[in-house]
Amino acid sequence: MKTVAIFFAFICLTLFAVKGHPGVGRQRCICQGPGVKMVKPKLIETVVIHRASAFCNRLEIVVTLRNGAGSRCLNQYSSFTKSIIDRLTKDTRRTKM
């Protein structure tokens, strides 16, 4: 009887442990879908660029909006997003010199 109880407990623990791990090939990207093409520049508080990694195989640009309005994912192929990235890289180059 003890063997059956131990076996049952082992199976339950195994099921709970496996449930939390992602399956093979699953991505854990922040942005779902292509993202928005533009956000009013006045509303942008911060910009965070997440490079491709083992967790997500694509570049993600996330902007946090002012006044607690949340955050938005930008479409990396839109001209607005490309201009934001260009501005950030220019500002970074100026501060390093």
PDB file of N, CA and C in Angstrom:
ATOM      1  N   MET A   1       0.820  -1.189   0.000  1.00  0.00           N
ATOM      2  CA  MET A   1       0.000   0.000   0.000  1.00  0.00           C
ATOM      3  C   MET A   1       0.867   1.257   0.000  1.00  0.00           C
ATOM      4  N   LYS A   2       1.962   1.221   0.781  1.00  0.00           N
ATOM      5  CA  LYS A   2       2.841   2.374   0.824  1.00  0.00           C
ATOM      6  C   LYS A   2       3.483   2.632  -0.539  1.00  0.00           C
ATOM      7  N   THR A   3       3.793   1.574  -1.248  1.00  0.00           N
ATOM      8  CA  THR A   3       4.412   1.705  -2.570  1.00  0.00           C
ATOM      9  C   THR A   3       3.466   2.395  -3.537  1.00  0.00           C
ATOM     10  N   VAL A   4       2.198   2.065  -3.493  1.00  0.00           N
ATOM     11  CA  VAL A   4       1.197   2.686  -4.370  1.00  0.00           C
ATOM     12  C   VAL A   4       1.054   4.176  -4.036  1.00  0.00           C
ATOM     13  N   ALA A   5       1.046   4.507  -2.760  1.00  0.00           N
ATOM     14  CA  ALA A   5       0.923   5.907  -2.346  1.00  0.00           C
ATOM     15  C   ALA A   5       2.150   6.713  -2.771  1.00  0.00           C
ATOM     16  N   ILE A   6       3.318   6.132  -2.614  1.00  0.00           N
ATOM     17  CA  ILE A   6       4.543   6.825  -3.022  1.00  0.00           C
ATOM     18  C   ILE A   6       4.562   7.011  -4.534  1.00  0.00           C
ATOM     19  N   PHE A   7       4.172   5.974  -5.277  1.00  0.00           N
ATOM     20  CA  PHE A   7       4.119   6.060  -6.731  1.00  0.00           C
ATOM     21  C   PHE A   7       3.123   7.141  -7.166  1.00  0.00           C
ATOM     22  N   PHE A   8       1.953   7.185  -6.555  1.00  0.00           N
ATOM     23  CA  PHE A   8       0.944   8.198  -6.879  1.00  0.00           C
ATOM     24  C   PHE A   8       1.457   9.607  -6.575  1.00  0.00           C
ATOM     25  N   ALA A   9       2.117   9.792  -5.453  1.00  0.00           N
ATOM     26  CA  ALA A   9       2.686  11.101  -5.096  1.00  0.00           C
ATOM     27  C   ALA A   9       3.765  11.505  -6.097  1.00  0.00           C
ATOM     28  N   PHE A  10       4.589  10.551  -6.508  1.00  0.00           N
ATOM     29  CA  PHE A  10       5.636  10.837  -7.496  1.00  0.00           C
ATOM     30  C   PHE A  10       5.029  11.278  -8.824  1.00  0.00           C
ATOM     31  N   ILE A  11       3.985  10.611  -9.277  1.00  0.00           N
ATOM     32  CA  ILE A  11       3.317  10.974 -10.531  1.00  0.00           C
ATOM     33  C   ILE A  11       2.713  12.375 -10.431  1.00  0.00           C
ATOM     34  N   CYS A  12       2.068  12.689  -9.331  1.00  0.00           N
ATOM     35  CA  CYS A  12       1.467  14.021  -9.143  1.00  0.00           C
ATOM     36  C   CYS A  12       2.531  15.116  -9.150  1.00  0.00           C
ATOM     37  N   LEU A  13       3.627  14.897  -8.439  1.00  0.00           N
ATOM     38  CA  LEU A  13       4.702  15.885  -8.411  1.00  0.00           C
ATOM     39  C   LEU A  13       5.330  16.071  -9.790  1.00  0.00           C
ATOM     40  N   THR A  14       5.472  14.980 -10.523  1.00  0.00           N
ATOM     41  CA  THR A  14       6.032  15.065 -11.869  1.00  0.00           C
ATOM     42  C   THR A  14       5.128  15.872 -12.783  1.00  0.00           C
ATOM     43  N   LEU A  15       3.837  15.659 -12.693  1.00  0.00           N
ATOM     44  CA  LEU A  15       2.896  16.403 -13.531  1.00  0.00           C
ATOM     45  C   LEU A  15       2.932  17.896 -13.222  1.00  0.00           C
ATOM     46  N   PHE A  16       3.005  18.259 -11.952  1.00  0.00           N
ATOM     47  CA  PHE A  16       3.054  19.663 -11.580  1.00  0.00           C
ATOM     48  C   PHE A  16       4.364  20.313 -12.020  1.00  0.00           C
ATOM     49  N   ALA A  17       5.458  19.587 -11.931  1.00  0.00           N
ATOM     50  CA  ALA A  17       6.755  20.140 -12.316  1.00  0.00           C
ATOM     51  C   ALA A  17       6.846  20.337 -13.824  1.00  0.00           C
ATOM     52  N   VAL A  18       6.312  19.436 -14.609  1.00  0.00           N
ATOM     53  CA  VAL A  18       6.389  19.515 -16.059  1.00  0.00           C
ATOM     54  C   VAL A  18       5.467  20.600 -16.608  1.00  0.00           C
ATOM     55  N   LYS A  19       4.368  20.865 -15.950  1.00  0.00           N
ATOM     56  CA  LYS A  19       3.391  21.835 -16.418  1.00  0.00           C
ATOM     57  C   LYS A  19       3.980  23.239 -16.550  1.00  0.00           C
ATOM     58  N   GLY A  20       4.906  23.623 -15.695  1.00  0.00           N
ATOM     59  CA  GLY A  20       5.459  24.966 -15.703  1.00  0.00           C
ATOM     60  C   GLY A  20       6.515  25.231 -16.750  1.00  0.00           C
ATOM     61  N   HIS A  21       7.038  24.213 -17.399  1.00  0.00           N
ATOM     62  CA  HIS A  21       8.109  24.396 -18.371  1.00  0.00           C
ATOM     63  C   HIS A  21       7.542  24.534 -19.780  1.00  0.00           C
ATOM     64  N   PRO A  22       8.111  25.441 -20.594  1.00  0.00           N
ATOM     65  CA  PRO A  22       7.616  25.583 -21.958  1.00  0.00           C
ATOM     66  C   PRO A  22       7.971  24.364 -22.799  1.00  0.00           C
ATOM     67  N   GLY A  23       7.152  24.103 -23.786  1.00  0.00           N
ATOM     68  CA  GLY A  23       7.404  22.991 -24.680  1.00  0.00           C
ATOM     69  C   GLY A  23       8.509  23.330 -25.661  1.00  0.00           C
ATOM     70  N   VAL A  24       8.910  22.357 -26.423  1.00  0.00           N
ATOM     71  CA  VAL A  24       9.964  22.552 -27.412  1.00  0.00           C
ATOM     72  C   VAL A  24       9.462  23.505 -28.491  1.00  0.00           C
ATOM     73  N   GLY A  25      10.242  24.535 -28.789  1.00  0.00           N
ATOM     74  CA  GLY A  25       9.888  25.463 -29.852  1.00  0.00           C
ATOM     75  C   GLY A  25       8.975  26.598 -29.433  1.00  0.00           C
ATOM     76  N   ARG A  26       8.530  26.652 -28.201  1.00  0.00           N
ATOM     77  CA  ARG A  26       7.669  27.745 -27.756  1.00  0.00           C
ATOM     78  C   ARG A  26       8.513  28.970 -27.457  1.00  0.00           C
ATOM     79  N   GLN A  27       7.994  30.127 -27.812  1.00  0.00           N
ATOM     80  CA  GLN A  27       8.688  31.382 -27.575  1.00  0.00           C
ATOM     81  C   GLN A  27       8.009  32.138 -26.433  1.00  0.00           C
ATOM     82  N   ARG A  28       8.780  32.882 -25.698  1.00  0.00           N
ATOM     83  CA  ARG A  28       8.250  33.721 -24.621  1.00  0.00           C
ATOM     84  C   ARG A  28       8.524  35.175 -24.955  1.00  0.00           C
ATOM     85  N   CYS A  29       7.911  35.642 -26.000  1.00  0.00           N
ATOM     86  CA  CYS A  29       8.085  37.026 -26.424  1.00  0.00           C
ATOM     87  C   CYS A  29       7.162  37.929 -25.616  1.00  0.00           C
ATOM     88  N   ILE A  30       7.590  39.166 -25.430  1.00  0.00           N
ATOM     89  CA  ILE A  30       6.781  40.144 -24.728  1.00  0.00           C
ATOM     90  C   ILE A  30       5.635  40.601 -25.618  1.00  0.00           C
ATOM     91  N   CYS A  31       5.942  40.865 -26.872  1.00  0.00           N
ATOM     92  CA  CYS A  31       4.967  41.394 -27.819  1.00  0.00           C
ATOM     93  C   CYS A  31       4.256  40.257 -28.539  1.00  0.00           C
ATOM     94  N   GLN A  32       2.949  40.334 -28.553  1.00  0.00           N
ATOM     95  CA  GLN A  32       2.143  39.384 -29.302  1.00  0.00           C
ATOM     96  C   GLN A  32       1.632  40.102 -30.543  1.00  0.00           C
ATOM     97  N   GLY A  33       1.908  39.580 -31.694  1.00  0.00           N
ATOM     98  CA  GLY A  33       1.483  40.221 -32.930  1.00  0.00           C
ATOM     99  C   GLY A  33       2.527  41.208 -33.426  1.00  0.00           C
ATOM    100  N   PRO A  34       2.208  41.937 -34.492  1.00  0.00           N
ATOM    101  CA  PRO A  34       3.211  42.821 -35.109  1.00  0.00           C
ATOM    102  C   PRO A  34       3.487  44.108 -34.336  1.00  0.00           C
ATOM    103  N   GLY A  35       2.567  44.590 -33.511  1.00  0.00           N
ATOM    104  CA  GLY A  35       2.760  45.834 -32.780  1.00  0.00           C
ATOM    105  C   GLY A  35       2.159  47.013 -33.524  1.00  0.00           C
ATOM    106  N   VAL A  36       2.129  48.153 -32.857  1.00  0.00           N
ATOM    107  CA  VAL A  36       1.551  49.356 -33.465  1.00  0.00           C
ATOM    108  C   VAL A  36       2.597  50.059 -34.321  1.00  0.00           C
ATOM    109  N   LYS A  37       2.130  50.804 -35.319  1.00  0.00           N
ATOM    110  CA  LYS A  37       3.054  51.479 -36.226  1.00  0.00           C
ATOM    111  C   LYS A  37       3.521  52.819 -35.679  1.00  0.00           C
ATOM    112  N   MET A  38       2.703  53.446 -34.811  1.00  0.00           N
ATOM    113  CA  MET A  38       3.081  54.773 -34.318  1.00  0.00           C
ATOM    114  C   MET A  38       2.406  55.068 -32.984  1.00  0.00           C
ATOM    115  N   VAL A  39       3.100  55.834 -32.158  1.00  0.00           N
ATOM    116  CA  VAL A  39       2.585  56.337 -30.887  1.00  0.00           C
ATOM    117  C   VAL A  39       2.939  57.814 -30.851  1.00  0.00           C
ATOM    118  N   LYS A  40       2.069  58.650 -30.292  1.00  0.00           N
ATOM    119  CA  LYS A  40       2.390  60.073 -30.193  1.00  0.00           C
ATOM    120  C   LYS A  40       3.674  60.243 -29.380  1.00  0.00           C
ATOM    121  N   PRO A  41       4.671  60.927 -29.949  1.00  0.00           N
ATOM    122  CA  PRO A  41       5.951  61.076 -29.237  1.00  0.00           C
ATOM    123  C   PRO A  41       5.822  61.759 -27.879  1.00  0.00           C
ATOM    124  N   LYS A  42       4.834  62.625 -27.698  1.00  0.00           N
ATOM    125  CA  LYS A  42       4.642  63.300 -26.413  1.00  0.00           C
ATOM    126  C   LYS A  42       4.280  62.313 -25.306  1.00  0.00           C
ATOM    127  N   LEU A  43       3.676  61.203 -25.682  1.00  0.00           N
ATOM    128  CA  LEU A  43       3.219  60.238 -24.682  1.00  0.00           C
ATOM    129  C   LEU A  43       4.296  59.247 -24.251  1.00  0.00           C
ATOM    130  N   ILE A  44       5.416  59.194 -24.960  1.00  0.00           N
ATOM    131  CA  ILE A  44       6.449  58.207 -24.666  1.00  0.00           C
ATOM    132  C   ILE A  44       7.288  58.641 -23.467  1.00  0.00           C
ATOM    133  N   GLU A  45       7.368  57.756 -22.477  1.00  0.00           N
ATOM    134  CA  GLU A  45       8.206  58.014 -21.304  1.00  0.00           C
ATOM    135  C   GLU A  45       9.551  57.301 -21.437  1.00  0.00           C
ATOM    136  N   THR A  46       9.524  56.006 -21.727  1.00  0.00           N
ATOM    137  CA  THR A  46      10.757  55.252 -21.903  1.00  0.00           C
ATOM    138  C   THR A  46      10.640  54.325 -23.111  1.00  0.00           C
ATOM    139  N   VAL A  47      11.798  53.989 -23.658  1.00  0.00           N
ATOM    140  CA  VAL A  47      11.875  53.038 -24.764  1.00  0.00           C
ATOM    141  C   VAL A  47      12.845  51.942 -24.362  1.00  0.00           C
ATOM    142  N   VAL A  48      12.406  50.696 -24.498  1.00  0.00           N
ATOM    143  CA  VAL A  48      13.254  49.551 -24.175  1.00  0.00           C
ATOM    144  C   VAL A  48      13.334  48.667 -25.412  1.00  0.00           C
ATOM    145  N   ILE A  49      14.563  48.338 -25.804  1.00  0.00           N
ATOM    146  CA  ILE A  49      14.784  47.470 -26.955  1.00  0.00           C
ATOM    147  C   ILE A  49      15.271  46.118 -26.447  1.00  0.00           C
ATOM    148  N   HIS A  50      14.515  45.090 -26.771  1.00  0.00           N
ATOM    149  CA  HIS A  50      14.887  43.722 -26.403  1.00  0.00           C
ATOM    150  C   HIS A  50      15.414  43.034 -27.653  1.00  0.00           C
ATOM    151  N   ARG A  51      16.666  42.678 -27.628  1.00  0.00           N
ATOM    152  CA  ARG A  51      17.278  41.993 -28.763  1.00  0.00           C
ATOM    153  C   ARG A  51      16.809  40.534 -28.817  1.00  0.00           C
ATOM    154  N   ALA A  52      17.015  39.912 -29.945  1.00  0.00           N
ATOM    155  CA  ALA A  52      16.673  38.496 -30.087  1.00  0.00           C
ATOM    156  C   ALA A  52      17.517  37.683 -29.117  1.00  0.00           C
ATOM    157  N   SER A  53      16.907  36.672 -28.522  1.00  0.00           N
ATOM    158  CA  SER A  53      17.604  35.855 -27.534  1.00  0.00           C
ATOM    159  C   SER A  53      17.093  34.418 -27.613  1.00  0.00           C
ATOM    160  N   ALA A  54      17.500  33.624 -26.668  1.00  0.00           N
ATOM    161  CA  ALA A  54      17.041  32.236 -26.631  1.00  0.00           C
ATOM    162  C   ALA A  54      15.560  32.150 -26.281  1.00  0.00           C
ATOM    163  N   PHE A  55      15.035  33.170 -25.612  1.00  0.00           N
ATOM    164  CA  PHE A  55      13.632  33.168 -25.214  1.00  0.00           C
ATOM    165  C   PHE A  55      12.712  33.654 -26.328  1.00  0.00           C
ATOM    166  N   CYS A  56      13.197  34.601 -27.119  1.00  0.00           N
ATOM    167  CA  CYS A  56      12.392  35.148 -28.215  1.00  0.00           C
ATOM    168  C   CYS A  56      13.335  35.444 -29.372  1.00  0.00           C
ATOM    169  N   ASN A  57      13.004  34.942 -30.550  1.00  0.00           N
ATOM    170  CA  ASN A  57      13.940  35.037 -31.668  1.00  0.00           C
ATOM    171  C   ASN A  57      13.759  36.285 -32.520  1.00  0.00           C
ATOM    172  N   ARG A  58      13.117  37.307 -31.994  1.00  0.00           N
ATOM    173  CA  ARG A  58      12.924  38.535 -32.761  1.00  0.00           C
ATOM    174  C   ARG A  58      13.223  39.775 -31.913  1.00  0.00           C
ATOM    175  N   LEU A  59      13.489  40.870 -32.588  1.00  0.00           N
ATOM    176  CA  LEU A  59      13.723  42.157 -31.934  1.00  0.00           C
ATOM    177  C   LEU A  59      12.381  42.717 -31.479  1.00  0.00           C
ATOM    178  N   GLU A  60      12.319  43.222 -30.246  1.00  0.00           N
ATOM    179  CA  GLU A  60      11.090  43.811 -29.726  1.00  0.00           C
ATOM    180  C   GLU A  60      11.387  45.199 -29.178  1.00  0.00           C
ATOM    181  N   ILE A  61      10.566  46.169 -29.553  1.00  0.00           N
ATOM    182  CA  ILE A  61      10.693  47.537 -29.071  1.00  0.00           C
ATOM    183  C   ILE A  61       9.438  47.846 -28.264  1.00  0.00           C
ATOM    184  N   VAL A  62       9.626  48.107 -26.969  1.00  0.00           N
ATOM    185  CA  VAL A  62       8.502  48.358 -26.069  1.00  0.00           C
ATOM    186  C   VAL A  62       8.630  49.776 -25.543  1.00  0.00           C
ATOM    187  N   VAL A  63       7.553  50.573 -25.683  1.00  0.00           N
ATOM    188  CA  VAL A  63       7.543  51.934 -25.140  1.00  0.00           C
ATOM    189  C   VAL A  63       6.581  51.972 -23.961  1.00  0.00           C
ATOM    190  N   THR A  64       6.998  52.652 -22.900  1.00  0.00           N
ATOM    191  CA  THR A  64       6.145  52.890 -21.752  1.00  0.00           C
ATOM    192  C   THR A  64       5.562  54.281 -21.912  1.00  0.00           C
ATOM    193  N   LEU A  65       4.259  54.388 -21.728  1.00  0.00           N
ATOM    194  CA  LEU A  65       3.575  55.658 -21.924  1.00  0.00           C
ATOM    195  C   LEU A  65       3.469  56.422 -20.609  1.00  0.00           C
ATOM    196  N   ARG A  66       3.382  57.723 -20.726  1.00  0.00           N
ATOM    197  CA  ARG A  66       3.279  58.591 -19.538  1.00  0.00           C
ATOM    198  C   ARG A  66       1.926  58.437 -18.864  1.00  0.00           C
ATOM    199  N   ASN A  67       1.852  58.932 -17.644  1.00  0.00           N
ATOM    200  CA  ASN A  67       0.626  58.960 -16.842  1.00  0.00           C
ATOM    201  C   ASN A  67       0.024  57.572 -16.627  1.00  0.00           C
ATOM    202  N   GLY A  68       0.869  56.562 -16.585  1.00  0.00           N
ATOM    203  CA  GLY A  68       0.384  55.218 -16.295  1.00  0.00           C
ATOM    204  C   GLY A  68      -0.544  54.649 -17.351  1.00  0.00           C
ATOM    205  N   ALA A  69      -0.381  55.077 -18.590  1.00  0.00           N
ATOM    206  CA  ALA A  69      -1.261  54.615 -19.667  1.00  0.00           C
ATOM    207  C   ALA A  69      -0.839  53.253 -20.205  1.00  0.00           C
ATOM    208  N   GLY A  70       0.120  52.606 -19.583  1.00  0.00           N
ATOM    209  CA  GLY A  70       0.525  51.272 -20.000  1.00  0.00           C
ATOM    210  C   GLY A  70       1.742  51.281 -20.902  1.00  0.00           C
ATOM    211  N   SER A  71       1.882  50.220 -21.666  1.00  0.00           N
ATOM    212  CA  SER A  71       3.002  50.107 -22.582  1.00  0.00           C
ATOM    213  C   SER A  71       2.495  49.564 -23.905  1.00  0.00           C
ATOM    214  N   ARG A  72       3.244  49.842 -24.956  1.00  0.00           N
ATOM    215  CA  ARG A  72       2.887  49.396 -26.299  1.00  0.00           C
ATOM    216  C   ARG A  72       4.114  48.791 -26.968  1.00  0.00           C
ATOM    217  N   CYS A  73       3.880  47.815 -27.785  1.00  0.00           N
ATOM    218  CA  CYS A  73       4.930  47.240 -28.610  1.00  0.00           C
ATOM    219  C   CYS A  73       4.888  47.917 -29.968  1.00  0.00           C
ATOM    220  N   LEU A  74       6.056  48.335 -30.442  1.00  0.00           N
ATOM    221  CA  LEU A  74       6.131  48.995 -31.742  1.00  0.00           C
ATOM    222  C   LEU A  74       6.493  47.987 -32.829  1.00  0.00           C
ATOM    223  N   ASN A  75       5.958  48.208 -33.998  1.00  0.00           N
ATOM    224  CA  ASN A  75       6.295  47.397 -35.161  1.00  0.00           C
ATOM    225  C   ASN A  75       7.707  47.761 -35.585  1.00  0.00           C
ATOM    226  N   GLN A  76       8.605  46.785 -35.585  1.00  0.00           N
ATOM    227  CA  GLN A  76      10.018  47.070 -35.854  1.00  0.00           C
ATOM    228  C   GLN A  76      10.280  47.497 -37.286  1.00  0.00           C
ATOM    229  N   TYR A  77       9.335  47.276 -38.191  1.00  0.00           N
ATOM    230  CA  TYR A  77       9.538  47.618 -39.596  1.00  0.00           C
ATOM    231  C   TYR A  77       8.930  48.959 -39.990  1.00  0.00           C
ATOM    232  N   SER A  78       8.221  49.632 -39.077  1.00  0.00           N
ATOM    233  CA  SER A  78       7.615  50.915 -39.421  1.00  0.00           C
ATOM    234  C   SER A  78       8.666  52.023 -39.431  1.00  0.00           C
ATOM    235  N   SER A  79       8.419  53.039 -40.225  1.00  0.00           N
ATOM    236  CA  SER A  79       9.382  54.150 -40.331  1.00  0.00           C
ATOM    237  C   SER A  79       9.468  54.923 -39.013  1.00  0.00           C
ATOM    238  N   PHE A  80       8.381  55.012 -38.274  1.00  0.00           N
ATOM    239  CA  PHE A  80       8.393  55.691 -36.976  1.00  0.00           C
ATOM    240  C   PHE A  80       9.345  54.992 -36.015  1.00  0.00           C
ATOM    241  N   THR A  81       9.265  53.674 -35.951  1.00  0.00           N
ATOM    242  CA  THR A  81      10.132  52.913 -35.046  1.00  0.00           C
ATOM    243  C   THR A  81      11.589  53.029 -35.462  1.00  0.00           C
ATOM    244  N   LYS A  82      11.853  52.999 -36.745  1.00  0.00           N
ATOM    245  CA  LYS A  82      13.228  53.144 -37.221  1.00  0.00           C
ATOM    246  C   LYS A  82      13.793  54.512 -36.852  1.00  0.00           C
ATOM    247  N   SER A  83      12.949  55.561 -36.920  1.00  0.00           N
ATOM    248  CA  SER A  83      13.432  56.896 -36.525  1.00  0.00           C
ATOM    249  C   SER A  83      13.707  56.968 -35.028  1.00  0.00           C
ATOM    250  N   ILE A  84      12.894  56.293 -34.224  1.00  0.00           N
ATOM    251  CA  ILE A  84      13.127  56.250 -32.771  1.00  0.00           C
ATOM    252  C   ILE A  84      14.459  55.559 -32.475  1.00  0.00           C
ATOM    253  N   ILE A  85      14.727  54.446 -33.135  1.00  0.00           N
ATOM    254  CA  ILE A  85      15.979  53.720 -32.921  1.00  0.00           C
ATOM    255  C   ILE A  85      17.162  54.563 -33.369  1.00  0.00           C
ATOM    256  N   ASP A  86      17.031  55.277 -34.487  1.00  0.00           N
ATOM    257  CA  ASP A  86      18.112  56.151 -34.950  1.00  0.00           C
ATOM    258  C   ASP A  86      18.401  57.248 -33.935  1.00  0.00           C
ATOM    259  N   ARG A  87      17.361  57.837 -33.377  1.00  0.00           N
ATOM    260  CA  ARG A  87      17.559  58.884 -32.358  1.00  0.00           C
ATOM    261  C   ARG A  87      18.261  58.331 -31.130  1.00  0.00           C
ATOM    262  N   LEU A  88      17.860  57.158 -30.710  1.00  0.00           N
ATOM    263  CA  LEU A  88      18.485  56.553 -29.528  1.00  0.00           C
ATOM    264  C   LEU A  88      19.956  56.248 -29.769  1.00  0.00           C
ATOM    265  N   THR A  89      20.290  55.731 -30.940  1.00  0.00           N
ATOM    266  CA  THR A  89      21.690  55.411 -31.219  1.00  0.00           C
ATOM    267  C   THR A  89      22.530  56.677 -31.346  1.00  0.00           C
ATOM    268  N   LYS A  90      21.963  57.752 -31.902  1.00  0.00           N
ATOM    269  CA  LYS A  90      22.701  59.018 -31.989  1.00  0.00           C
ATOM    270  C   LYS A  90      22.946  59.591 -30.602  1.00  0.00           C
ATOM    271  N   ASP A  91      21.928  59.541 -29.738  1.00  0.00           N
ATOM    272  CA  ASP A  91      22.094  60.046 -28.370  1.00  0.00           C
ATOM    273  C   ASP A  91      23.124  59.222 -27.610  1.00  0.00           C
ATOM    274  N   THR A  92      23.148  57.927 -27.816  1.00  0.00           N
ATOM    275  CA  THR A  92      24.111  57.057 -27.141  1.00  0.00           C
ATOM    276  C   THR A  92      25.532  57.366 -27.612  1.00  0.00           C
ATOM    277  N   ARG A  93      25.698  57.602 -28.887  1.00  0.00           N
ATOM    278  CA  ARG A  93      27.031  57.933 -29.411  1.00  0.00           C
ATOM    279  C   ARG A  93      27.520  59.261 -28.852  1.00  0.00           C
ATOM    280  N   ARG A  94      26.650  60.225 -28.715  1.00  0.00           N
ATOM    281  CA  ARG A  94      27.053  61.538 -28.175  1.00  0.00           C
ATOM    282  C   ARG A  94      27.499  61.431 -26.724  1.00  0.00           C
ATOM    283  N   THR A  95      26.791  60.653 -25.935  1.00  0.00           N
ATOM    284  CA  THR A  95      27.143  60.556 -24.513  1.00  0.00           C
ATOM    285  C   THR A  95      28.426  59.772 -24.292  1.00  0.00           C
ATOM    286  N   LYS A  96      28.761  58.849 -25.186  1.00  0.00           N
ATOM    287  CA  LYS A  96      29.989  58.065 -25.020  1.00  0.00           C
ATOM    288  C   LYS A  96      31.231  58.843 -25.408  1.00  0.00           C
ATOM    289  N   MET A  97      31.104  59.839 -26.234  1.00  0.00           N
ATOM    290  CA  MET A  97      32.281  60.586 -26.680  1.00  0.00           C
ATOM    291  C   MET A  97      32.725  61.593 -25.695  1.00  0.00           C
TER     292      MET A  97
END
